[in-house]
């Protein structure tokens, strides 16, 4: 399984990519929502984890663009709990609330695999 991580904070991106590796996923990362949209629409990812508070194209706008293009990739909003309702309205199916743990991430990844009909 392969994921795309989008976050304008390099340290946050690196941490999430390493956590995904511990969970058995490959991951690429980008620093902005516009680049995330382009990479996702090009294909090759099983899920995308998008920070909601990026400058320029934030996670909300990125999700709207991805959904408007007809892409059904599982989207994970990475942010605080206060943004969960708005994230779901923008097209996110999953939320990973900061600060998150490896177990929190694994729970979301299990849900993605289950909903895709894939085995653990």
N, C-alpha and C. Protein backbone atom coordinates (compact mmCIF):
# COMPACT_ATOMS: atom_id res chain seq x y z
N UNK A 1 0.86 -1.17 0.00
CA UNK A 1 0.00 0.00 0.00
C UNK A 1 0.90 1.23 0.00
N UNK A 2 0.43 2.26 -0.70
CA UNK A 2 1.22 3.48 -0.82
C UNK A 2 0.35 4.70 -0.54
N UNK A 3 0.91 5.62 0.25
CA UNK A 3 0.19 6.83 0.63
C UNK A 3 0.95 8.07 0.21
N UNK A 4 0.22 9.15 0.08
CA UNK A 4 0.82 10.47 -0.13
C UNK A 4 0.53 11.30 1.10
N UNK A 5 1.57 11.95 1.63
CA UNK A 5 1.45 12.84 2.77
C UNK A 5 1.66 14.26 2.28
N UNK A 6 0.74 15.16 2.63
CA UNK A 6 0.89 16.58 2.27
C UNK A 6 0.84 17.42 3.54
N UNK A 7 1.92 18.14 3.79
CA UNK A 7 1.99 19.02 4.95
C UNK A 7 3.06 20.06 4.65
N UNK A 8 2.81 21.31 4.98
CA UNK A 8 3.79 22.34 4.72
C UNK A 8 4.95 22.32 5.72
N UNK A 9 4.80 21.58 6.81
CA UNK A 9 5.86 21.46 7.82
C UNK A 9 6.68 20.20 7.54
N UNK A 10 7.94 20.40 7.18
CA UNK A 10 8.82 19.28 6.81
C UNK A 10 8.94 18.25 7.93
N UNK A 11 9.09 18.70 9.16
CA UNK A 11 9.23 17.77 10.28
C UNK A 11 7.97 16.91 10.44
N UNK A 12 6.79 17.54 10.33
CA UNK A 12 5.54 16.78 10.42
C UNK A 12 5.44 15.75 9.30
N UNK A 13 5.84 16.15 8.07
CA UNK A 13 5.83 15.21 6.94
C UNK A 13 6.73 14.03 7.23
N UNK A 14 7.95 14.30 7.66
CA UNK A 14 8.91 13.23 7.92
C UNK A 14 8.42 12.27 8.99
N UNK A 15 7.85 12.81 10.05
CA UNK A 15 7.33 11.96 11.13
C UNK A 15 6.23 11.05 10.60
N UNK A 16 5.31 11.61 9.84
CA UNK A 16 4.19 10.81 9.33
C UNK A 16 4.66 9.77 8.33
N UNK A 17 5.63 10.10 7.49
CA UNK A 17 6.18 9.13 6.54
C UNK A 17 6.84 7.98 7.30
N UNK A 18 7.59 8.29 8.35
CA UNK A 18 8.23 7.23 9.15
C UNK A 18 7.19 6.37 9.86
N UNK A 19 6.13 7.00 10.38
CA UNK A 19 5.08 6.25 11.04
C UNK A 19 4.37 5.32 10.04
N UNK A 20 4.13 5.81 8.84
CA UNK A 20 3.53 4.96 7.81
C UNK A 20 4.42 3.77 7.50
N UNK A 21 5.73 3.99 7.43
CA UNK A 21 6.67 2.89 7.18
C UNK A 21 6.58 1.86 8.30
N UNK A 22 6.47 2.31 9.55
CA UNK A 22 6.32 1.37 10.68
C UNK A 22 5.03 0.58 10.57
N UNK A 23 4.03 1.16 9.94
CA UNK A 23 2.74 0.48 9.75
C UNK A 23 2.71 -0.37 8.48
N UNK A 24 3.84 -0.42 7.76
CA UNK A 24 3.94 -1.27 6.58
C UNK A 24 3.54 -0.61 5.28
N UNK A 25 3.44 0.69 5.25
CA UNK A 25 3.06 1.42 4.04
C UNK A 25 4.26 2.16 3.47
N UNK A 26 4.32 2.26 2.15
CA UNK A 26 5.26 3.15 1.47
C UNK A 26 4.60 4.52 1.42
N UNK A 27 5.41 5.59 1.40
CA UNK A 27 4.82 6.92 1.34
C UNK A 27 5.73 7.90 0.62
N UNK A 28 5.10 8.80 -0.09
CA UNK A 28 5.75 9.97 -0.66
C UNK A 28 5.20 11.17 0.09
N UNK A 29 5.91 12.30 0.00
CA UNK A 29 5.39 13.49 0.66
C UNK A 29 5.60 14.72 -0.20
N UNK A 30 4.70 15.68 -0.01
CA UNK A 30 4.77 16.97 -0.70
C UNK A 30 4.48 18.06 0.32
N UNK A 31 4.88 19.29 -0.03
CA UNK A 31 4.75 20.40 0.91
C UNK A 31 3.53 21.27 0.73
N UNK A 32 2.66 20.95 -0.21
CA UNK A 32 1.49 21.80 -0.41
C UNK A 32 0.32 21.07 -1.02
N UNK A 33 -0.85 21.68 -0.87
CA UNK A 33 -2.07 21.08 -1.36
C UNK A 33 -2.16 21.01 -2.87
N UNK A 34 -1.66 22.03 -3.56
CA UNK A 34 -1.70 22.02 -5.02
C UNK A 34 -0.90 20.88 -5.60
N UNK A 35 0.29 20.66 -5.06
CA UNK A 35 1.13 19.56 -5.51
C UNK A 35 0.47 18.22 -5.16
N UNK A 36 -0.17 18.15 -3.99
CA UNK A 36 -0.86 16.92 -3.60
C UNK A 36 -1.96 16.58 -4.59
N UNK A 37 -2.74 17.57 -4.98
CA UNK A 37 -3.82 17.33 -5.94
C UNK A 37 -3.24 16.76 -7.23
N UNK A 38 -2.19 17.38 -7.76
CA UNK A 38 -1.58 16.93 -9.02
C UNK A 38 -1.09 15.49 -8.89
N UNK A 39 -0.41 15.16 -7.79
CA UNK A 39 0.13 13.81 -7.61
C UNK A 39 -0.99 12.78 -7.48
N UNK A 40 -2.02 13.13 -6.73
CA UNK A 40 -3.13 12.20 -6.53
C UNK A 40 -3.86 11.95 -7.84
N UNK A 41 -4.11 13.00 -8.60
CA UNK A 41 -4.82 12.83 -9.87
C UNK A 41 -3.99 12.05 -10.88
N UNK A 42 -2.67 12.06 -10.73
CA UNK A 42 -1.79 11.28 -11.60
C UNK A 42 -1.87 9.79 -11.26
N UNK A 43 -2.34 9.46 -10.06
CA UNK A 43 -2.53 8.06 -9.67
C UNK A 43 -1.35 7.46 -8.95
N UNK A 44 -1.54 6.22 -8.54
CA UNK A 44 -0.47 5.47 -7.89
C UNK A 44 -0.53 5.43 -6.37
N UNK A 45 -1.57 6.02 -5.78
CA UNK A 45 -1.68 6.04 -4.32
C UNK A 45 -2.94 5.33 -3.86
N UNK A 46 -2.83 4.68 -2.71
CA UNK A 46 -3.97 3.99 -2.11
C UNK A 46 -4.69 4.85 -1.09
N UNK A 47 -4.04 5.91 -0.61
CA UNK A 47 -4.63 6.84 0.35
C UNK A 47 -3.79 8.11 0.36
N UNK A 48 -4.40 9.19 0.86
CA UNK A 48 -3.69 10.45 1.01
C UNK A 48 -4.00 11.04 2.37
N UNK A 49 -2.95 11.53 3.04
CA UNK A 49 -3.09 12.16 4.34
C UNK A 49 -2.73 13.63 4.16
N UNK A 50 -3.71 14.51 4.33
CA UNK A 50 -3.54 15.92 4.03
C UNK A 50 -3.71 16.77 5.28
N UNK A 51 -2.70 17.58 5.57
CA UNK A 51 -2.84 18.57 6.63
C UNK A 51 -3.88 19.58 6.17
N UNK A 52 -4.71 20.01 7.08
CA UNK A 52 -5.77 20.94 6.69
C UNK A 52 -5.29 22.38 6.63
N UNK A 53 -4.25 22.72 7.39
CA UNK A 53 -3.82 24.11 7.53
C UNK A 53 -2.54 24.41 6.76
N UNK A 54 -2.57 24.20 5.45
CA UNK A 54 -1.43 24.55 4.60
C UNK A 54 -1.71 25.89 3.94
N UNK A 55 -0.66 26.70 3.72
CA UNK A 55 -0.88 27.97 3.01
C UNK A 55 -1.22 27.71 1.54
N UNK A 56 -1.87 28.66 0.91
CA UNK A 56 -2.26 28.48 -0.50
C UNK A 56 -3.42 27.52 -0.58
N UNK A 57 -3.20 26.39 -1.23
CA UNK A 57 -4.23 25.34 -1.33
C UNK A 57 -4.16 24.51 -0.05
N UNK A 58 -5.12 24.74 0.85
CA UNK A 58 -5.12 23.98 2.10
C UNK A 58 -5.75 22.61 1.88
N UNK A 59 -5.79 21.81 2.93
CA UNK A 59 -6.34 20.46 2.80
C UNK A 59 -7.80 20.43 2.39
N UNK A 60 -8.59 21.40 2.88
CA UNK A 60 -10.00 21.45 2.51
C UNK A 60 -10.16 21.65 1.01
N UNK A 61 -9.44 22.63 0.47
CA UNK A 61 -9.54 22.93 -0.96
C UNK A 61 -8.97 21.77 -1.79
N UNK A 62 -7.88 21.18 -1.32
CA UNK A 62 -7.30 20.03 -2.04
C UNK A 62 -8.33 18.91 -2.13
N UNK A 63 -9.01 18.61 -1.03
CA UNK A 63 -10.03 17.55 -1.03
C UNK A 63 -11.16 17.88 -2.00
N UNK A 64 -11.61 19.13 -2.00
CA UNK A 64 -12.69 19.51 -2.92
C UNK A 64 -12.25 19.32 -4.37
N UNK A 65 -11.02 19.70 -4.69
CA UNK A 65 -10.51 19.54 -6.06
C UNK A 65 -10.39 18.07 -6.44
N UNK A 66 -9.92 17.26 -5.51
CA UNK A 66 -9.76 15.82 -5.77
C UNK A 66 -11.13 15.19 -6.03
N UNK A 67 -12.11 15.52 -5.19
CA UNK A 67 -13.46 14.97 -5.35
C UNK A 67 -14.13 15.50 -6.62
N UNK A 68 -13.90 16.78 -6.94
CA UNK A 68 -14.50 17.36 -8.15
C UNK A 68 -13.97 16.68 -9.40
N UNK A 69 -12.74 16.15 -9.33
CA UNK A 69 -12.15 15.44 -10.47
C UNK A 69 -12.66 14.01 -10.56
N UNK A 70 -13.47 13.59 -9.58
CA UNK A 70 -14.04 12.24 -9.61
C UNK A 70 -13.18 11.18 -8.97
N UNK A 71 -12.10 11.57 -8.33
CA UNK A 71 -11.19 10.61 -7.71
C UNK A 71 -11.73 10.19 -6.35
N UNK A 72 -11.79 8.87 -6.11
CA UNK A 72 -12.36 8.33 -4.88
C UNK A 72 -11.30 7.81 -3.91
N UNK A 73 -10.06 8.22 -4.05
CA UNK A 73 -9.00 7.80 -3.13
C UNK A 73 -9.41 8.13 -1.69
N UNK A 74 -9.14 7.24 -0.73
CA UNK A 74 -9.43 7.56 0.66
C UNK A 74 -8.58 8.76 1.11
N UNK A 75 -9.25 9.75 1.69
CA UNK A 75 -8.58 10.95 2.17
C UNK A 75 -8.65 11.01 3.69
N UNK A 76 -7.49 11.28 4.30
CA UNK A 76 -7.38 11.40 5.75
C UNK A 76 -7.03 12.84 6.08
N UNK A 77 -7.90 13.52 6.82
CA UNK A 77 -7.62 14.87 7.28
C UNK A 77 -6.71 14.79 8.50
N UNK A 78 -5.63 15.53 8.48
CA UNK A 78 -4.70 15.55 9.61
C UNK A 78 -4.83 16.93 10.25
N UNK A 79 -5.48 16.97 11.43
CA UNK A 79 -5.73 18.25 12.08
C UNK A 79 -6.34 18.02 13.45
N UNK A 80 -6.78 19.12 14.05
CA UNK A 80 -7.46 19.04 15.34
C UNK A 80 -8.90 18.60 15.19
N UNK A 81 -9.47 18.15 16.29
CA UNK A 81 -10.84 17.62 16.28
C UNK A 81 -11.85 18.67 15.86
N UNK A 82 -11.57 19.95 16.11
CA UNK A 82 -12.53 20.99 15.79
C UNK A 82 -12.81 21.11 14.30
N UNK A 83 -11.94 20.57 13.47
CA UNK A 83 -12.09 20.68 12.02
C UNK A 83 -12.73 19.44 11.39
N UNK A 84 -13.07 18.44 12.18
CA UNK A 84 -13.54 17.17 11.61
C UNK A 84 -14.80 17.33 10.77
N UNK A 85 -15.79 18.06 11.27
CA UNK A 85 -17.04 18.21 10.50
C UNK A 85 -16.79 18.92 9.17
N UNK A 86 -16.01 19.99 9.20
CA UNK A 86 -15.70 20.72 7.96
C UNK A 86 -14.90 19.83 7.01
N UNK A 87 -14.00 19.01 7.55
CA UNK A 87 -13.20 18.11 6.72
C UNK A 87 -14.11 17.11 6.00
N UNK A 88 -15.04 16.53 6.71
CA UNK A 88 -15.96 15.57 6.09
C UNK A 88 -16.81 16.23 5.00
N UNK A 89 -17.22 17.46 5.23
CA UNK A 89 -17.98 18.20 4.21
C UNK A 89 -17.15 18.47 2.96
N UNK A 90 -15.82 18.54 3.12
CA UNK A 90 -14.92 18.80 1.99
C UNK A 90 -14.57 17.55 1.21
N UNK A 91 -14.90 16.37 1.74
CA UNK A 91 -14.65 15.13 1.02
C UNK A 91 -13.74 14.13 1.72
N UNK A 92 -13.33 14.41 2.95
CA UNK A 92 -12.51 13.47 3.71
C UNK A 92 -13.39 12.39 4.32
N UNK A 93 -12.90 11.14 4.28
CA UNK A 93 -13.61 10.04 4.94
C UNK A 93 -13.07 9.77 6.34
N UNK A 94 -11.82 10.13 6.57
CA UNK A 94 -11.14 9.78 7.81
C UNK A 94 -10.47 11.01 8.40
N UNK A 95 -10.30 11.01 9.73
CA UNK A 95 -9.60 12.10 10.40
C UNK A 95 -8.57 11.52 11.36
N UNK A 96 -7.40 12.12 11.34
CA UNK A 96 -6.32 11.76 12.25
C UNK A 96 -6.04 13.01 13.07
N UNK A 97 -6.46 12.98 14.32
CA UNK A 97 -6.40 14.16 15.17
C UNK A 97 -5.02 14.34 15.79
N UNK A 98 -4.48 15.55 15.66
CA UNK A 98 -3.20 15.89 16.29
C UNK A 98 -3.44 16.17 17.77
N UNK A 99 -2.54 15.79 18.66
CA UNK A 99 -1.37 14.94 18.39
C UNK A 99 -1.80 13.48 18.30
N UNK A 100 -1.29 12.77 17.32
CA UNK A 100 -1.68 11.39 17.09
C UNK A 100 -0.51 10.46 17.44
N UNK A 101 -0.87 9.22 17.66
CA UNK A 101 0.13 8.19 17.97
C UNK A 101 0.19 7.20 16.81
N UNK A 102 1.17 6.32 16.85
CA UNK A 102 1.27 5.28 15.84
C UNK A 102 0.02 4.41 15.85
N UNK A 103 -0.51 4.14 17.03
CA UNK A 103 -1.72 3.33 17.11
C UNK A 103 -2.91 4.06 16.49
N UNK A 104 -3.01 5.37 16.68
CA UNK A 104 -4.07 6.14 16.03
C UNK A 104 -3.98 6.00 14.52
N UNK A 105 -2.76 6.13 13.98
CA UNK A 105 -2.55 5.98 12.55
C UNK A 105 -2.90 4.58 12.09
N UNK A 106 -2.46 3.58 12.82
CA UNK A 106 -2.78 2.19 12.44
C UNK A 106 -4.28 1.95 12.42
N UNK A 107 -5.01 2.55 13.36
CA UNK A 107 -6.47 2.40 13.39
C UNK A 107 -7.08 2.94 12.11
N UNK A 108 -6.65 4.12 11.67
CA UNK A 108 -7.17 4.72 10.44
C UNK A 108 -6.80 3.85 9.24
N UNK A 109 -5.56 3.37 9.20
CA UNK A 109 -5.12 2.53 8.07
C UNK A 109 -5.91 1.23 8.02
N UNK A 110 -6.22 0.65 9.19
CA UNK A 110 -7.05 -0.56 9.22
C UNK A 110 -8.43 -0.27 8.64
N UNK A 111 -9.01 0.87 8.99
CA UNK A 111 -10.32 1.25 8.46
C UNK A 111 -10.26 1.39 6.94
N UNK A 112 -9.20 2.00 6.44
CA UNK A 112 -9.06 2.17 4.99
C UNK A 112 -8.99 0.82 4.31
N UNK A 113 -8.16 -0.08 4.83
CA UNK A 113 -8.02 -1.41 4.24
C UNK A 113 -9.34 -2.17 4.30
N UNK A 114 -10.02 -2.10 5.44
CA UNK A 114 -11.30 -2.80 5.61
C UNK A 114 -12.33 -2.27 4.62
N UNK A 115 -12.43 -0.96 4.50
CA UNK A 115 -13.42 -0.37 3.60
C UNK A 115 -13.09 -0.61 2.13
N UNK A 116 -11.83 -0.90 1.85
CA UNK A 116 -11.42 -1.22 0.48
C UNK A 116 -11.54 -2.73 0.22
N UNK A 117 -11.95 -3.50 1.24
CA UNK A 117 -12.09 -4.93 1.08
C UNK A 117 -10.76 -5.67 1.08
N UNK A 118 -9.73 -5.06 1.69
CA UNK A 118 -8.39 -5.67 1.73
C UNK A 118 -8.16 -6.29 3.10
N UNK A 119 -7.36 -7.33 3.11
CA UNK A 119 -7.02 -7.99 4.38
C UNK A 119 -5.88 -7.27 5.04
N UNK A 120 -5.78 -7.45 6.35
CA UNK A 120 -4.67 -6.85 7.14
C UNK A 120 -3.34 -7.37 6.67
